Amino acid sequence: MQMDETNLNKFRLSDRVFYALKLAVEQKDGQVATALVNVLELAMTRNSGGGEFVERRDFPKEVEALLDEARALKKH
């Protein structure tokens, strides 16, 4: 199956990582999910501020729920 790259280019990197994380959670792949959680957090917060910057915004509820599911996989 060939992917339509014109459609993929409409998404941000964090969107792509989110969908990859969603798939890893669905497949109950804790190791991949853990790695993707780190990547997603990095992709969503980078370029947010200087050295003393503290992230104060919350992730969307859908993202938080998926992050919780992924972290729960790590515990099993």
PDB file of N, CA and C in Angstrom:
ATOM      1  N   MET A   1       0.843  -1.170   0.000  1.00  0.00           N
ATOM      2  CA  MET A   1       0.000   0.000   0.000  1.00  0.00           C
ATOM      3  C   MET A   1       0.894   1.241   0.000  1.00  0.00           C
ATOM      4  N   GLN A   2       0.597   2.162  -0.878  1.00  0.00           N
ATOM      5  CA  GLN A   2       1.381   3.390  -0.963  1.00  0.00           C
ATOM      6  C   GLN A   2       0.630   4.515  -0.258  1.00  0.00           C
ATOM      7  N   MET A   3       1.350   5.259   0.567  1.00  0.00           N
ATOM      8  CA  MET A   3       0.729   6.346   1.309  1.00  0.00           C
ATOM      9  C   MET A   3       0.691   7.597   0.455  1.00  0.00           C
ATOM     10  N   ASP A   4      -0.349   8.376   0.612  1.00  0.00           N
ATOM     11  CA  ASP A   4      -0.490   9.642  -0.085  1.00  0.00           C
ATOM     12  C   ASP A   4       0.255  10.712   0.707  1.00  0.00           C
ATOM     13  N   GLU A   5       1.470  11.027   0.287  1.00  0.00           N
ATOM     14  CA  GLU A   5       2.299  11.972   1.041  1.00  0.00           C
ATOM     15  C   GLU A   5       1.747  13.383   1.019  1.00  0.00           C
ATOM     16  N   THR A   6       0.936  13.737   0.032  1.00  0.00           N
ATOM     17  CA  THR A   6       0.366  15.082   0.016  1.00  0.00           C
ATOM     18  C   THR A   6      -0.574  15.259   1.203  1.00  0.00           C
ATOM     19  N   ASN A   7      -1.274  14.199   1.577  1.00  0.00           N
ATOM     20  CA  ASN A   7      -2.150  14.262   2.738  1.00  0.00           C
ATOM     21  C   ASN A   7      -1.337  14.307   4.032  1.00  0.00           C
ATOM     22  N   LEU A   8      -0.278  13.516   4.115  1.00  0.00           N
ATOM     23  CA  LEU A   8       0.561  13.492   5.314  1.00  0.00           C
ATOM     24  C   LEU A   8       1.218  14.840   5.582  1.00  0.00           C
ATOM     25  N   ASN A   9       1.553  15.564   4.554  1.00  0.00           N
ATOM     26  CA  ASN A   9       2.249  16.834   4.730  1.00  0.00           C
ATOM     27  C   ASN A   9       1.362  17.917   5.322  1.00  0.00           C
ATOM     28  N   LYS A  10       0.081  17.645   5.482  1.00  0.00           N
ATOM     29  CA  LYS A  10      -0.825  18.609   6.108  1.00  0.00           C
ATOM     30  C   LYS A  10      -0.752  18.533   7.630  1.00  0.00           C
ATOM     31  N   PHE A  11      -0.077  17.519   8.152  1.00  0.00           N
ATOM     32  CA  PHE A  11       0.000  17.307   9.590  1.00  0.00           C
ATOM     33  C   PHE A  11       1.321  17.814  10.150  1.00  0.00           C
ATOM     34  N   ARG A  12       1.281  18.220  11.412  1.00  0.00           N
ATOM     35  CA  ARG A  12       2.510  18.579  12.119  1.00  0.00           C
ATOM     36  C   ARG A  12       3.202  17.301  12.576  1.00  0.00           C
ATOM     37  N   LEU A  13       4.458  17.411  12.920  1.00  0.00           N
ATOM     38  CA  LEU A  13       5.207  16.259  13.420  1.00  0.00           C
ATOM     39  C   LEU A  13       4.506  15.657  14.634  1.00  0.00           C
ATOM     40  N   SER A  14       4.049  16.500  15.543  1.00  0.00           N
ATOM     41  CA  SER A  14       3.385  15.987  16.745  1.00  0.00           C
ATOM     42  C   SER A  14       2.113  15.215  16.402  1.00  0.00           C
ATOM     43  N   ASP A  15       1.411  15.607  15.341  1.00  0.00           N
ATOM     44  CA  ASP A  15       0.217  14.867  14.917  1.00  0.00           C
ATOM     45  C   ASP A  15       0.588  13.465  14.459  1.00  0.00           C
ATOM     46  N   ARG A  16       1.646  13.377  13.697  1.00  0.00           N
ATOM     47  CA  ARG A  16       2.089  12.068  13.206  1.00  0.00           C
ATOM     48  C   ARG A  16       2.528  11.168  14.359  1.00  0.00           C
ATOM     49  N   VAL A  17       3.254  11.744  15.308  1.00  0.00           N
ATOM     50  CA  VAL A  17       3.717  10.966  16.460  1.00  0.00           C
ATOM     51  C   VAL A  17       2.514  10.523  17.296  1.00  0.00           C
ATOM     52  N   PHE A  18       1.519  11.401  17.445  1.00  0.00           N
ATOM     53  CA  PHE A  18       0.308  11.057  18.191  1.00  0.00           C
ATOM     54  C   PHE A  18      -0.354   9.817  17.598  1.00  0.00           C
ATOM     55  N   TYR A  19      -0.507   9.784  16.280  1.00  0.00           N
ATOM     56  CA  TYR A  19      -1.159   8.635  15.646  1.00  0.00           C
ATOM     57  C   TYR A  19      -0.303   7.374  15.745  1.00  0.00           C
ATOM     58  N   ALA A  20       1.009   7.534  15.704  1.00  0.00           N
ATOM     59  CA  ALA A  20       1.894   6.376  15.898  1.00  0.00           C
ATOM     60  C   ALA A  20       1.762   5.854  17.329  1.00  0.00           C
ATOM     61  N   LEU A  21       1.686   6.762  18.295  1.00  0.00           N
ATOM     62  CA  LEU A  21       1.512   6.366  19.693  1.00  0.00           C
ATOM     63  C   LEU A  21       0.172   5.668  19.886  1.00  0.00           C
ATOM     64  N   LYS A  22      -0.852   6.187  19.254  1.00  0.00           N
ATOM     65  CA  LYS A  22      -2.177   5.574  19.342  1.00  0.00           C
ATOM     66  C   LYS A  22      -2.131   4.128  18.841  1.00  0.00           C
ATOM     67  N   LEU A  23      -1.432   3.908  17.748  1.00  0.00           N
ATOM     68  CA  LEU A  23      -1.294   2.561  17.194  1.00  0.00           C
ATOM     69  C   LEU A  23      -0.505   1.659  18.142  1.00  0.00           C
ATOM     70  N   ALA A  24       0.577   2.182  18.715  1.00  0.00           N
ATOM     71  CA  ALA A  24       1.385   1.392  19.653  1.00  0.00           C
ATOM     72  C   ALA A  24       0.564   0.983  20.874  1.00  0.00           C
ATOM     73  N   VAL A  25      -0.273   1.890  21.368  1.00  0.00           N
ATOM     74  CA  VAL A  25      -1.127   1.577  22.518  1.00  0.00           C
ATOM     75  C   VAL A  25      -2.157   0.520  22.129  1.00  0.00           C
ATOM     76  N   GLU A  26      -2.771   0.684  20.955  1.00  0.00           N
ATOM     77  CA  GLU A  26      -3.752  -0.304  20.484  1.00  0.00           C
ATOM     78  C   GLU A  26      -3.125  -1.691  20.374  1.00  0.00           C
ATOM     79  N   GLN A  27      -1.855  -1.731  19.976  1.00  0.00           N
ATOM     80  CA  GLN A  27      -1.153  -3.005  19.821  1.00  0.00           C
ATOM     81  C   GLN A  27      -0.500  -3.470  21.128  1.00  0.00           C
ATOM     82  N   LYS A  28      -0.686  -2.667  22.179  1.00  0.00           N
ATOM     83  CA  LYS A  28      -0.127  -2.963  23.508  1.00  0.00           C
ATOM     84  C   LYS A  28       1.387  -3.173  23.474  1.00  0.00           C
ATOM     85  N   ASP A  29       2.041  -2.325  22.693  1.00  0.00           N
ATOM     86  CA  ASP A  29       3.499  -2.366  22.568  1.00  0.00           C
ATOM     87  C   ASP A  29       4.084  -1.314  23.510  1.00  0.00           C
ATOM     88  N   GLY A  30       4.332  -1.725  24.742  1.00  0.00           N
ATOM     89  CA  GLY A  30       4.794  -0.803  25.768  1.00  0.00           C
ATOM     90  C   GLY A  30       6.130  -0.154  25.483  1.00  0.00           C
ATOM     91  N   GLN A  31       7.056  -0.898  24.901  1.00  0.00           N
ATOM     92  CA  GLN A  31       8.384  -0.353  24.633  1.00  0.00           C
ATOM     93  C   GLN A  31       8.313   0.766  23.595  1.00  0.00           C
ATOM     94  N   VAL A  32       7.594   0.534  22.519  1.00  0.00           N
ATOM     95  CA  VAL A  32       7.457   1.562  21.484  1.00  0.00           C
ATOM     96  C   VAL A  32       6.630   2.729  22.017  1.00  0.00           C
ATOM     97  N   ALA A  33       5.576   2.433  22.773  1.00  0.00           N
ATOM     98  CA  ALA A  33       4.740   3.492  23.336  1.00  0.00           C
ATOM     99  C   ALA A  33       5.557   4.409  24.246  1.00  0.00           C
ATOM    100  N   THR A  34       6.423   3.834  25.062  1.00  0.00           N
ATOM    101  CA  THR A  34       7.264   4.635  25.955  1.00  0.00           C
ATOM    102  C   THR A  34       8.166   5.577  25.168  1.00  0.00           C
ATOM    103  N   ALA A  35       8.775   5.067  24.122  1.00  0.00           N
ATOM    104  CA  ALA A  35       9.642   5.908  23.288  1.00  0.00           C
ATOM    105  C   ALA A  35       8.836   7.017  22.619  1.00  0.00           C
ATOM    106  N   LEU A  36       7.645   6.681  22.134  1.00  0.00           N
ATOM    107  CA  LEU A  36       6.820   7.674  21.447  1.00  0.00           C
ATOM    108  C   LEU A  36       6.258   8.721  22.401  1.00  0.00           C
ATOM    109  N   VAL A  37       6.015   8.362  23.660  1.00  0.00           N
ATOM    110  CA  VAL A  37       5.591   9.350  24.658  1.00  0.00           C
ATOM    111  C   VAL A  37       6.667  10.425  24.777  1.00  0.00           C
ATOM    112  N   ASN A  38       7.913  10.009  24.885  1.00  0.00           N
ATOM    113  CA  ASN A  38       9.021  10.969  24.988  1.00  0.00           C
ATOM    114  C   ASN A  38       9.111  11.846  23.751  1.00  0.00           C
ATOM    115  N   VAL A  39       8.965  11.244  22.583  1.00  0.00           N
ATOM    116  CA  VAL A  39       9.035  11.996  21.329  1.00  0.00           C
ATOM    117  C   VAL A  39       7.870  12.980  21.240  1.00  0.00           C
ATOM    118  N   LEU A  40       6.671  12.536  21.600  1.00  0.00           N
ATOM    119  CA  LEU A  40       5.501  13.413  21.529  1.00  0.00           C
ATOM    120  C   LEU A  40       5.651  14.604  22.464  1.00  0.00           C
ATOM    121  N   GLU A  41       6.101  14.350  23.686  1.00  0.00           N
ATOM    122  CA  GLU A  41       6.303  15.455  24.627  1.00  0.00           C
ATOM    123  C   GLU A  41       7.334  16.442  24.095  1.00  0.00           C
ATOM    124  N   LEU A  42       8.397  15.943  23.505  1.00  0.00           N
ATOM    125  CA  LEU A  42       9.420  16.807  22.929  1.00  0.00           C
ATOM    126  C   LEU A  42       8.859  17.609  21.757  1.00  0.00           C
ATOM    127  N   ALA A  43       8.145  16.941  20.866  1.00  0.00           N
ATOM    128  CA  ALA A  43       7.606  17.608  19.678  1.00  0.00           C
ATOM    129  C   ALA A  43       6.586  18.683  20.043  1.00  0.00           C
ATOM    130  N   MET A  44       5.846  18.466  21.123  1.00  0.00           N
ATOM    131  CA  MET A  44       4.801  19.426  21.488  1.00  0.00           C
ATOM    132  C   MET A  44       5.316  20.585  22.330  1.00  0.00           C
ATOM    133  N   THR A  45       6.499  20.453  22.916  1.00  0.00           N
ATOM    134  CA  THR A  45       6.971  21.508  23.813  1.00  0.00           C
ATOM    135  C   THR A  45       8.235  22.208  23.341  1.00  0.00           C
ATOM    136  N   ARG A  46       8.881  21.707  22.314  1.00  0.00           N
ATOM    137  CA  ARG A  46      10.132  22.341  21.886  1.00  0.00           C
ATOM    138  C   ARG A  46       9.854  23.740  21.346  1.00  0.00           C
ATOM    139  N   ASN A  47      10.863  24.556  21.398  1.00  0.00           N
ATOM    140  CA  ASN A  47      10.778  25.952  20.956  1.00  0.00           C
ATOM    141  C   ASN A  47       9.735  26.736  21.741  1.00  0.00           C
ATOM    142  N   SER A  48       9.488  26.326  22.984  1.00  0.00           N
ATOM    143  CA  SER A  48       8.470  26.992  23.792  1.00  0.00           C
ATOM    144  C   SER A  48       9.030  28.124  24.637  1.00  0.00           C
ATOM    145  N   GLY A  49      10.329  28.164  24.843  1.00  0.00           N
ATOM    146  CA  GLY A  49      10.883  29.220  25.675  1.00  0.00           C
ATOM    147  C   GLY A  49      12.356  29.024  25.914  1.00  0.00           C
ATOM    148  N   GLY A  50      12.925  29.921  26.707  1.00  0.00           N
ATOM    149  CA  GLY A  50      14.358  29.891  26.980  1.00  0.00           C
ATOM    150  C   GLY A  50      14.736  28.871  28.032  1.00  0.00           C
ATOM    151  N   GLY A  51      15.948  29.003  28.544  1.00  0.00           N
ATOM    152  CA  GLY A  51      16.519  28.034  29.465  1.00  0.00           C
ATOM    153  C   GLY A  51      15.742  27.844  30.751  1.00  0.00           C
ATOM    154  N   GLU A  52      15.141  28.886  31.272  1.00  0.00           N
ATOM    155  CA  GLU A  52      14.389  28.795  32.527  1.00  0.00           C
ATOM    156  C   GLU A  52      12.896  28.616  32.289  1.00  0.00           C
ATOM    157  N   PHE A  53      12.517  28.351  31.051  1.00  0.00           N
ATOM    158  CA  PHE A  53      11.102  28.218  30.703  1.00  0.00           C
ATOM    159  C   PHE A  53      10.476  27.006  31.382  1.00  0.00           C
ATOM    160  N   VAL A  54       9.281  27.186  31.940  1.00  0.00           N
ATOM    161  CA  VAL A  54       8.517  26.094  32.533  1.00  0.00           C
ATOM    162  C   VAL A  54       7.212  25.979  31.755  1.00  0.00           C
ATOM    163  N   GLU A  55       6.942  24.789  31.247  1.00  0.00           N
ATOM    164  CA  GLU A  55       5.714  24.556  30.479  1.00  0.00           C
ATOM    165  C   GLU A  55       4.509  24.669  31.407  1.00  0.00           C
ATOM    166  N   ARG A  56       3.585  25.569  31.075  1.00  0.00           N
ATOM    167  CA  ARG A  56       2.411  25.767  31.925  1.00  0.00           C
ATOM    168  C   ARG A  56       1.109  25.394  31.229  1.00  0.00           C
ATOM    169  N   ARG A  57       1.145  25.190  29.946  1.00  0.00           N
ATOM    170  CA  ARG A  57      -0.092  24.838  29.257  1.00  0.00           C
ATOM    171  C   ARG A  57      -0.330  23.336  29.385  1.00  0.00           C
ATOM    172  N   ASP A  58      -1.571  22.968  29.290  1.00  0.00           N
ATOM    173  CA  ASP A  58      -1.931  21.560  29.364  1.00  0.00           C
ATOM    174  C   ASP A  58      -2.063  20.998  27.960  1.00  0.00           C
ATOM    175  N   PHE A  59      -1.800  19.701  27.836  1.00  0.00           N
ATOM    176  CA  PHE A  59      -2.048  19.035  26.571  1.00  0.00           C
ATOM    177  C   PHE A  59      -3.557  18.880  26.408  1.00  0.00           C
ATOM    178  N   PRO A  60      -4.045  18.795  25.169  1.00  0.00           N
ATOM    179  CA  PRO A  60      -5.471  18.519  24.960  1.00  0.00           C
ATOM    180  C   PRO A  60      -5.867  17.222  25.676  1.00  0.00           C
ATOM    181  N   LYS A  61      -7.132  17.129  26.079  1.00  0.00           N
ATOM    182  CA  LYS A  61      -7.610  15.965  26.842  1.00  0.00           C
ATOM    183  C   LYS A  61      -7.360  14.657  26.108  1.00  0.00           C
ATOM    184  N   GLU A  62      -7.535  14.653  24.792  1.00  0.00           N
ATOM    185  CA  GLU A  62      -7.312  13.440  23.999  1.00  0.00           C
ATOM    186  C   GLU A  62      -5.857  12.983  24.106  1.00  0.00           C
ATOM    187  N   VAL A  63      -4.938  13.939  24.094  1.00  0.00           N
ATOM    188  CA  VAL A  63      -3.515  13.616  24.201  1.00  0.00           C
ATOM    189  C   VAL A  63      -3.206  13.110  25.607  1.00  0.00           C
ATOM    190  N   GLU A  64      -3.726  13.791  26.622  1.00  0.00           N
ATOM    191  CA  GLU A  64      -3.492  13.363  28.010  1.00  0.00           C
ATOM    192  C   GLU A  64      -3.994  11.941  28.239  1.00  0.00           C
ATOM    193  N   ALA A  65      -5.177  11.627  27.708  1.00  0.00           N
ATOM    194  CA  ALA A  65      -5.744  10.286  27.881  1.00  0.00           C
ATOM    195  C   ALA A  65      -4.850   9.236  27.233  1.00  0.00           C
ATOM    196  N   LEU A  66      -4.354   9.535  26.033  1.00  0.00           N
ATOM    197  CA  LEU A  66      -3.480   8.588  25.344  1.00  0.00           C
ATOM    198  C   LEU A  66      -2.149   8.435  26.085  1.00  0.00           C
ATOM    199  N   LEU A  67      -1.609   9.530  26.591  1.00  0.00           N
ATOM    200  CA  LEU A  67      -0.367   9.456  27.366  1.00  0.00           C
ATOM    201  C   LEU A  67      -0.561   8.592  28.612  1.00  0.00           C
ATOM    202  N   ASP A  68      -1.705   8.734  29.264  1.00  0.00           N
ATOM    203  CA  ASP A  68      -1.997   7.906  30.442  1.00  0.00           C
ATOM    204  C   ASP A  68      -2.063   6.427  30.074  1.00  0.00           C
ATOM    205  N   GLU A  69      -2.722   6.117  28.948  1.00  0.00           N
ATOM    206  CA  GLU A  69      -2.807   4.720  28.498  1.00  0.00           C
ATOM    207  C   GLU A  69      -1.421   4.158  28.201  1.00  0.00           C
ATOM    208  N   ALA A  70      -0.599   4.967  27.536  1.00  0.00           N
ATOM    209  CA  ALA A  70       0.751   4.520  27.178  1.00  0.00           C
ATOM    210  C   ALA A  70       1.591   4.285  28.430  1.00  0.00           C
ATOM    211  N   ARG A  71       1.484   5.183  29.390  1.00  0.00           N
ATOM    212  CA  ARG A  71       2.248   5.026  30.634  1.00  0.00           C
ATOM    213  C   ARG A  71       1.776   3.803  31.420  1.00  0.00           C
ATOM    214  N   ALA A  72       0.488   3.493  31.341  1.00  0.00           N
ATOM    215  CA  ALA A  72      -0.046   2.310  32.024  1.00  0.00           C
ATOM    216  C   ALA A  72       0.520   1.032  31.417  1.00  0.00           C
ATOM    217  N   LEU A  73       0.782   1.027  30.118  1.00  0.00           N
ATOM    218  CA  LEU A  73       1.388  -0.143  29.474  1.00  0.00           C
ATOM    219  C   LEU A  73       2.757  -0.436  30.064  1.00  0.00           C
ATOM    220  N   LYS A  74       3.487   0.615  30.379  1.00  0.00           N
ATOM    221  CA  LYS A  74       4.840   0.468  30.914  1.00  0.00           C
ATOM    222  C   LYS A  74       4.817  -0.239  32.271  1.00  0.00           C
ATOM    223  N   LYS A  75       3.741  -0.053  33.021  1.00  0.00           N
ATOM    224  CA  LYS A  75       3.635  -0.627  34.364  1.00  0.00           C
ATOM    225  C   LYS A  75       3.318  -2.111  34.340  1.00  0.00           C
ATOM    226  N   HIS A  76       2.853  -2.621  33.203  1.00  0.00           N
ATOM    227  CA  HIS A  76       2.473  -4.042  33.126  1.00  0.00           C
ATOM    228  C   HIS A  76       3.567  -4.897  32.597  1.00  0.00           C
TER     229      HIS A  76
END
